[in-house]
Amino acid sequence: MTRGQQYFVSEATEIARKMLALADEGAGSAGDADECGILLGVMRDCAYKIRREALRQSEMQRTTESRVR
């Protein structure tokens, strides 16, 4: 995996982590969760998808690199 690819995978993983933390924080807030429940759910869903794809890309690159060696 090139440095650029590693950077984007790492940044995507960090963004997903922050989105999940923000969604958890919003769900823990009194009153706000009812009004923003759909938004928090969308954020969680997107964060899991981003994280899953970043991990898939990382694993794909590791598999490809191990075959080349």
PDB file of N, CA and C in Angstrom:
ATOM      1  N   MET A   1       0.857  -1.160   0.000  1.00  0.00           N
ATOM      2  CA  MET A   1       0.000   0.000   0.000  1.00  0.00           C
ATOM      3  C   MET A   1       0.914   1.238   0.000  1.00  0.00           C
ATOM      4  N   THR A   2       0.611   2.164  -0.855  1.00  0.00           N
ATOM      5  CA  THR A   2       1.419   3.377  -0.915  1.00  0.00           C
ATOM      6  C   THR A   2       1.134   4.260   0.294  1.00  0.00           C
ATOM      7  N   ARG A   3       2.024   5.215   0.516  1.00  0.00           N
ATOM      8  CA  ARG A   3       1.810   6.146   1.633  1.00  0.00           C
ATOM      9  C   ARG A   3       0.501   6.904   1.485  1.00  0.00           C
ATOM     10  N   GLY A   4       0.182   7.298   0.268  1.00  0.00           N
ATOM     11  CA  GLY A   4      -1.074   8.016   0.030  1.00  0.00           C
ATOM     12  C   GLY A   4      -2.274   7.159   0.369  1.00  0.00           C
ATOM     13  N   GLN A   5      -2.232   5.905  -0.030  1.00  0.00           N
ATOM     14  CA  GLN A   5      -3.337   4.999   0.280  1.00  0.00           C
ATOM     15  C   GLN A   5      -3.437   4.769   1.782  1.00  0.00           C
ATOM     16  N   GLN A   6      -2.298   4.578   2.434  1.00  0.00           N
ATOM     17  CA  GLN A   6      -2.289   4.388   3.886  1.00  0.00           C
ATOM     18  C   GLN A   6      -2.882   5.608   4.586  1.00  0.00           C
ATOM     19  N   TYR A   7      -2.528   6.782   4.091  1.00  0.00           N
ATOM     20  CA  TYR A   7      -3.035   8.015   4.677  1.00  0.00           C
ATOM     21  C   TYR A   7      -4.560   8.067   4.590  1.00  0.00           C
ATOM     22  N   PHE A   8      -5.109   7.779   3.412  1.00  0.00           N
ATOM     23  CA  PHE A   8      -6.555   7.868   3.233  1.00  0.00           C
ATOM     24  C   PHE A   8      -7.295   6.813   4.047  1.00  0.00           C
ATOM     25  N   VAL A   9      -6.747   5.615   4.119  1.00  0.00           N
ATOM     26  CA  VAL A   9      -7.371   4.567   4.930  1.00  0.00           C
ATOM     27  C   VAL A   9      -7.340   4.966   6.403  1.00  0.00           C
ATOM     28  N   SER A  10      -6.208   5.492   6.845  1.00  0.00           N
ATOM     29  CA  SER A  10      -6.072   5.923   8.233  1.00  0.00           C
ATOM     30  C   SER A  10      -7.028   7.073   8.551  1.00  0.00           C
ATOM     31  N   GLU A  11      -7.112   8.051   7.669  1.00  0.00           N
ATOM     32  CA  GLU A  11      -8.006   9.192   7.880  1.00  0.00           C
ATOM     33  C   GLU A  11      -9.469   8.754   7.875  1.00  0.00           C
ATOM     34  N   ALA A  12      -9.821   7.853   6.970  1.00  0.00           N
ATOM     35  CA  ALA A  12     -11.205   7.366   6.907  1.00  0.00           C
ATOM     36  C   ALA A  12     -11.569   6.628   8.198  1.00  0.00           C
ATOM     37  N   THR A  13     -10.636   5.848   8.704  1.00  0.00           N
ATOM     38  CA  THR A  13     -10.862   5.123   9.952  1.00  0.00           C
ATOM     39  C   THR A  13     -11.053   6.100  11.107  1.00  0.00           C
ATOM     40  N   GLU A  14     -10.252   7.157  11.139  1.00  0.00           N
ATOM     41  CA  GLU A  14     -10.370   8.165  12.194  1.00  0.00           C
ATOM     42  C   GLU A  14     -11.694   8.928  12.093  1.00  0.00           C
ATOM     43  N   ILE A  15     -12.099   9.257  10.883  1.00  0.00           N
ATOM     44  CA  ILE A  15     -13.387   9.941  10.689  1.00  0.00           C
ATOM     45  C   ILE A  15     -14.532   9.057  11.183  1.00  0.00           C
ATOM     46  N   ALA A  16     -14.468   7.778  10.855  1.00  0.00           N
ATOM     47  CA  ALA A  16     -15.511   6.850  11.313  1.00  0.00           C
ATOM     48  C   ALA A  16     -15.542   6.800  12.838  1.00  0.00           C
ATOM     49  N   ARG A  17     -14.361   6.756  13.473  1.00  0.00           N
ATOM     50  CA  ARG A  17     -14.301   6.726  14.927  1.00  0.00           C
ATOM     51  C   ARG A  17     -14.946   7.979  15.532  1.00  0.00           C
ATOM     52  N   LYS A  18     -14.637   9.132  14.943  1.00  0.00           N
ATOM     53  CA  LYS A  18     -15.205  10.391  15.436  1.00  0.00           C
ATOM     54  C   LYS A  18     -16.717  10.448  15.230  1.00  0.00           C
ATOM     55  N   MET A  19     -17.185   9.931  14.103  1.00  0.00           N
ATOM     56  CA  MET A  19     -18.630   9.929  13.844  1.00  0.00           C
ATOM     57  C   MET A  19     -19.353   9.055  14.861  1.00  0.00           C
ATOM     58  N   LEU A  20     -18.781   7.896  15.168  1.00  0.00           N
ATOM     59  CA  LEU A  20     -19.402   7.010  16.156  1.00  0.00           C
ATOM     60  C   LEU A  20     -19.402   7.660  17.542  1.00  0.00           C
ATOM     61  N   ALA A  21     -18.304   8.316  17.900  1.00  0.00           N
ATOM     62  CA  ALA A  21     -18.243   8.992  19.197  1.00  0.00           C
ATOM     63  C   ALA A  21     -19.274  10.119  19.273  1.00  0.00           C
ATOM     64  N   LEU A  22     -19.408  10.861  18.196  1.00  0.00           N
ATOM     65  CA  LEU A  22     -20.382  11.952  18.165  1.00  0.00           C
ATOM     66  C   LEU A  22     -21.808  11.418  18.257  1.00  0.00           C
ATOM     67  N   ALA A  23     -22.084  10.327  17.559  1.00  0.00           N
ATOM     68  CA  ALA A  23     -23.421   9.723  17.615  1.00  0.00           C
ATOM     69  C   ALA A  23     -23.711   9.212  19.025  1.00  0.00           C
ATOM     70  N   ASP A  24     -22.711   8.616  19.668  1.00  0.00           N
ATOM     71  CA  ASP A  24     -22.895   8.145  21.045  1.00  0.00           C
ATOM     72  C   ASP A  24     -23.139   9.316  21.989  1.00  0.00           C
ATOM     73  N   GLU A  25     -22.393  10.401  21.787  1.00  0.00           N
ATOM     74  CA  GLU A  25     -22.562  11.586  22.617  1.00  0.00           C
ATOM     75  C   GLU A  25     -23.966  12.171  22.437  1.00  0.00           C
ATOM     76  N   GLY A  26     -24.421  12.219  21.195  1.00  0.00           N
ATOM     77  CA  GLY A  26     -25.751  12.745  20.909  1.00  0.00           C
ATOM     78  C   GLY A  26     -26.844  11.877  21.498  1.00  0.00           C
ATOM     79  N   ALA A  27     -26.637  10.565  21.475  1.00  0.00           N
ATOM     80  CA  ALA A  27     -27.633   9.655  22.035  1.00  0.00           C
ATOM     81  C   ALA A  27     -27.697   9.776  23.550  1.00  0.00           C
ATOM     82  N   GLY A  28     -26.585  10.175  24.157  1.00  0.00           N
ATOM     83  CA  GLY A  28     -26.549  10.311  25.609  1.00  0.00           C
ATOM     84  C   GLY A  28     -27.091  11.635  26.101  1.00  0.00           C
ATOM     85  N   SER A  29     -27.260  12.598  25.202  1.00  0.00           N
ATOM     86  CA  SER A  29     -27.770  13.911  25.596  1.00  0.00           C
ATOM     87  C   SER A  29     -29.260  13.826  25.887  1.00  0.00           C
ATOM     88  N   ALA A  30     -29.664  14.441  26.951  1.00  0.00           N
ATOM     89  CA  ALA A  30     -31.083  14.434  27.324  1.00  0.00           C
ATOM     90  C   ALA A  30     -31.882  15.309  26.371  1.00  0.00           C
ATOM     91  N   GLY A  31     -32.924  14.756  25.813  1.00  0.00           N
ATOM     92  CA  GLY A  31     -33.815  15.531  24.958  1.00  0.00           C
ATOM     93  C   GLY A  31     -33.402  15.586  23.501  1.00  0.00           C
ATOM     94  N   ASP A  32     -32.127  15.732  23.227  1.00  0.00           N
ATOM     95  CA  ASP A  32     -31.668  15.866  21.844  1.00  0.00           C
ATOM     96  C   ASP A  32     -31.818  14.583  21.042  1.00  0.00           C
ATOM     97  N   ALA A  33     -31.704  13.445  21.701  1.00  0.00           N
ATOM     98  CA  ALA A  33     -31.740  12.171  20.995  1.00  0.00           C
ATOM     99  C   ALA A  33     -33.069  11.963  20.270  1.00  0.00           C
ATOM    100  N   ASP A  34     -34.166  12.391  20.880  1.00  0.00           N
ATOM    101  CA  ASP A  34     -35.471  12.224  20.250  1.00  0.00           C
ATOM    102  C   ASP A  34     -35.569  13.040  18.973  1.00  0.00           C
ATOM    103  N   GLU A  35     -35.063  14.243  19.017  1.00  0.00           N
ATOM    104  CA  GLU A  35     -35.160  15.132  17.861  1.00  0.00           C
ATOM    105  C   GLU A  35     -34.160  14.770  16.767  1.00  0.00           C
ATOM    106  N   CYS A  36     -33.039  14.202  17.135  1.00  0.00           N
ATOM    107  CA  CYS A  36     -31.969  13.911  16.166  1.00  0.00           C
ATOM    108  C   CYS A  36     -31.757  12.408  15.969  1.00  0.00           C
ATOM    109  N   GLY A  37     -32.692  11.603  16.400  1.00  0.00           N
ATOM    110  CA  GLY A  37     -32.516  10.153  16.339  1.00  0.00           C
ATOM    111  C   GLY A  37     -32.205   9.633  14.956  1.00  0.00           C
ATOM    112  N   ILE A  38     -32.880  10.147  13.943  1.00  0.00           N
ATOM    113  CA  ILE A  38     -32.636   9.684  12.579  1.00  0.00           C
ATOM    114  C   ILE A  38     -31.231  10.080  12.144  1.00  0.00           C
ATOM    115  N   LEU A  39     -30.854  11.333  12.428  1.00  0.00           N
ATOM    116  CA  LEU A  39     -29.509  11.800  12.076  1.00  0.00           C
ATOM    117  C   LEU A  39     -28.443  10.958  12.760  1.00  0.00           C
ATOM    118  N   LEU A  40     -28.618  10.670  14.032  1.00  0.00           N
ATOM    119  CA  LEU A  40     -27.636   9.862  14.762  1.00  0.00           C
ATOM    120  C   LEU A  40     -27.548   8.455  14.175  1.00  0.00           C
ATOM    121  N   GLY A  41     -28.684   7.903  13.779  1.00  0.00           N
ATOM    122  CA  GLY A  41     -28.687   6.586  13.153  1.00  0.00           C
ATOM    123  C   GLY A  41     -27.973   6.586  11.814  1.00  0.00           C
ATOM    124  N   VAL A  42     -28.189   7.617  11.030  1.00  0.00           N
ATOM    125  CA  VAL A  42     -27.514   7.736   9.732  1.00  0.00           C
ATOM    126  C   VAL A  42     -26.007   7.879   9.947  1.00  0.00           C
ATOM    127  N   MET A  43     -25.627   8.691  10.932  1.00  0.00           N
ATOM    128  CA  MET A  43     -24.200   8.868  11.229  1.00  0.00           C
ATOM    129  C   MET A  43     -23.558   7.542  11.620  1.00  0.00           C
ATOM    130  N   ARG A  44     -24.232   6.785  12.472  1.00  0.00           N
ATOM    131  CA  ARG A  44     -23.704   5.492  12.903  1.00  0.00           C
ATOM    132  C   ARG A  44     -23.576   4.534  11.719  1.00  0.00           C
ATOM    133  N   ASP A  45     -24.627   4.489  10.916  1.00  0.00           N
ATOM    134  CA  ASP A  45     -24.633   3.603   9.754  1.00  0.00           C
ATOM    135  C   ASP A  45     -23.486   3.947   8.803  1.00  0.00           C
ATOM    136  N   CYS A  46     -23.333   5.221   8.505  1.00  0.00           N
ATOM    137  CA  CYS A  46     -22.264   5.661   7.596  1.00  0.00           C
ATOM    138  C   CYS A  46     -20.885   5.379   8.190  1.00  0.00           C
ATOM    139  N   ALA A  47     -20.741   5.609   9.483  1.00  0.00           N
ATOM    140  CA  ALA A  47     -19.450   5.368  10.138  1.00  0.00           C
ATOM    141  C   ALA A  47     -19.064   3.895  10.052  1.00  0.00           C
ATOM    142  N   TYR A  48     -20.017   3.005  10.286  1.00  0.00           N
ATOM    143  CA  TYR A  48     -19.724   1.569  10.190  1.00  0.00           C
ATOM    144  C   TYR A  48     -19.359   1.183   8.763  1.00  0.00           C
ATOM    145  N   LYS A  49     -20.042   1.754   7.785  1.00  0.00           N
ATOM    146  CA  LYS A  49     -19.732   1.463   6.384  1.00  0.00           C
ATOM    147  C   LYS A  49     -18.350   1.980   6.002  1.00  0.00           C
ATOM    148  N   ILE A  50     -18.015   3.185   6.438  1.00  0.00           N
ATOM    149  CA  ILE A  50     -16.695   3.753   6.154  1.00  0.00           C
ATOM    150  C   ILE A  50     -15.614   2.886   6.784  1.00  0.00           C
ATOM    151  N   ARG A  51     -15.808   2.535   8.046  1.00  0.00           N
ATOM    152  CA  ARG A  51     -14.810   1.714   8.741  1.00  0.00           C
ATOM    153  C   ARG A  51     -14.643   0.348   8.085  1.00  0.00           C
ATOM    154  N   ARG A  52     -15.759  -0.270   7.728  1.00  0.00           N
ATOM    155  CA  ARG A  52     -15.701  -1.589   7.083  1.00  0.00           C
ATOM    156  C   ARG A  52     -14.946  -1.519   5.763  1.00  0.00           C
ATOM    157  N   GLU A  53     -15.226  -0.497   4.958  1.00  0.00           N
ATOM    158  CA  GLU A  53     -14.548  -0.358   3.669  1.00  0.00           C
ATOM    159  C   GLU A  53     -13.068  -0.050   3.845  1.00  0.00           C
ATOM    160  N   ALA A  54     -12.720   0.784   4.816  1.00  0.00           N
ATOM    161  CA  ALA A  54     -11.310   1.093   5.073  1.00  0.00           C
ATOM    162  C   ALA A  54     -10.564  -0.169   5.494  1.00  0.00           C
ATOM    163  N   LEU A  55     -11.157  -0.968   6.351  1.00  0.00           N
ATOM    164  CA  LEU A  55     -10.531  -2.225   6.759  1.00  0.00           C
ATOM    165  C   LEU A  55     -10.416  -3.191   5.591  1.00  0.00           C
ATOM    166  N   ARG A  56     -11.440  -3.213   4.740  1.00  0.00           N
ATOM    167  CA  ARG A  56     -11.400  -4.085   3.561  1.00  0.00           C
ATOM    168  C   ARG A  56     -10.267  -3.674   2.627  1.00  0.00           C
ATOM    169  N   GLN A  57     -10.131  -2.376   2.398  1.00  0.00           N
ATOM    170  CA  GLN A  57      -9.060  -1.873   1.531  1.00  0.00           C
ATOM    171  C   GLN A  57      -7.690  -2.218   2.107  1.00  0.00           C
ATOM    172  N   SER A  58      -7.552  -2.029   3.391  1.00  0.00           N
ATOM    173  CA  SER A  58      -6.288  -2.322   4.058  1.00  0.00           C
ATOM    174  C   SER A  58      -5.949  -3.808   3.941  1.00  0.00           C
ATOM    175  N   GLU A  59      -6.924  -4.647   4.199  1.00  0.00           N
ATOM    176  CA  GLU A  59      -6.714  -6.096   4.117  1.00  0.00           C
ATOM    177  C   GLU A  59      -6.413  -6.527   2.683  1.00  0.00           C
ATOM    178  N   MET A  60      -7.103  -5.938   1.716  1.00  0.00           N
ATOM    179  CA  MET A  60      -6.867  -6.256   0.311  1.00  0.00           C
ATOM    180  C   MET A  60      -5.425  -5.926  -0.074  1.00  0.00           C
ATOM    181  N   GLN A  61      -4.942  -4.785   0.374  1.00  0.00           N
ATOM    182  CA  GLN A  61      -3.574  -4.386   0.065  1.00  0.00           C
ATOM    183  C   GLN A  61      -2.567  -5.317   0.730  1.00  0.00           C
ATOM    184  N   ARG A  62      -2.823  -5.705   1.971  1.00  0.00           N
ATOM    185  CA  ARG A  62      -1.919  -6.637   2.656  1.00  0.00           C
ATOM    186  C   ARG A  62      -1.865  -7.975   1.937  1.00  0.00           C
ATOM    187  N   THR A  63      -3.014  -8.458   1.486  1.00  0.00           N
ATOM    188  CA  THR A  63      -3.076  -9.728   0.769  1.00  0.00           C
ATOM    189  C   THR A  63      -2.322  -9.629  -0.549  1.00  0.00           C
ATOM    190  N   THR A  64      -2.513  -8.528  -1.261  1.00  0.00           N
ATOM    191  CA  THR A  64      -1.836  -8.323  -2.536  1.00  0.00           C
ATOM    192  C   THR A  64      -0.329  -8.226  -2.330  1.00  0.00           C
ATOM    193  N   GLU A  65       0.108  -7.501  -1.308  1.00  0.00           N
ATOM    194  CA  GLU A  65       1.536  -7.352  -1.033  1.00  0.00           C
ATOM    195  C   GLU A  65       2.166  -8.673  -0.630  1.00  0.00           C
ATOM    196  N   SER A  66       1.453  -9.498   0.121  1.00  0.00           N
ATOM    197  CA  SER A  66       2.019 -10.782   0.533  1.00  0.00           C
ATOM    198  C   SER A  66       2.162 -11.746  -0.638  1.00  0.00           C
ATOM    199  N   ARG A  67       1.286 -11.619  -1.642  1.00  0.00           N
ATOM    200  CA  ARG A  67       1.388 -12.470  -2.828  1.00  0.00           C
ATOM    201  C   ARG A  67       2.582 -12.062  -3.689  1.00  0.00           C
ATOM    202  N   VAL A  68       2.880 -10.777  -3.709  1.00  0.00           N
ATOM    203  CA  VAL A  68       3.968 -10.257  -4.534  1.00  0.00           C
ATOM    204  C   VAL A  68       5.318 -10.701  -3.962  1.00  0.00           C
ATOM    205  N   ARG A  69       5.422 -10.813  -2.661  1.00  0.00           N
ATOM    206  CA  ARG A  69       6.688 -11.178  -2.015  1.00  0.00           C
ATOM    207  C   ARG A  69       7.001 -12.609  -2.145  1.00  0.00           C
TER     208      ARG A  69
END
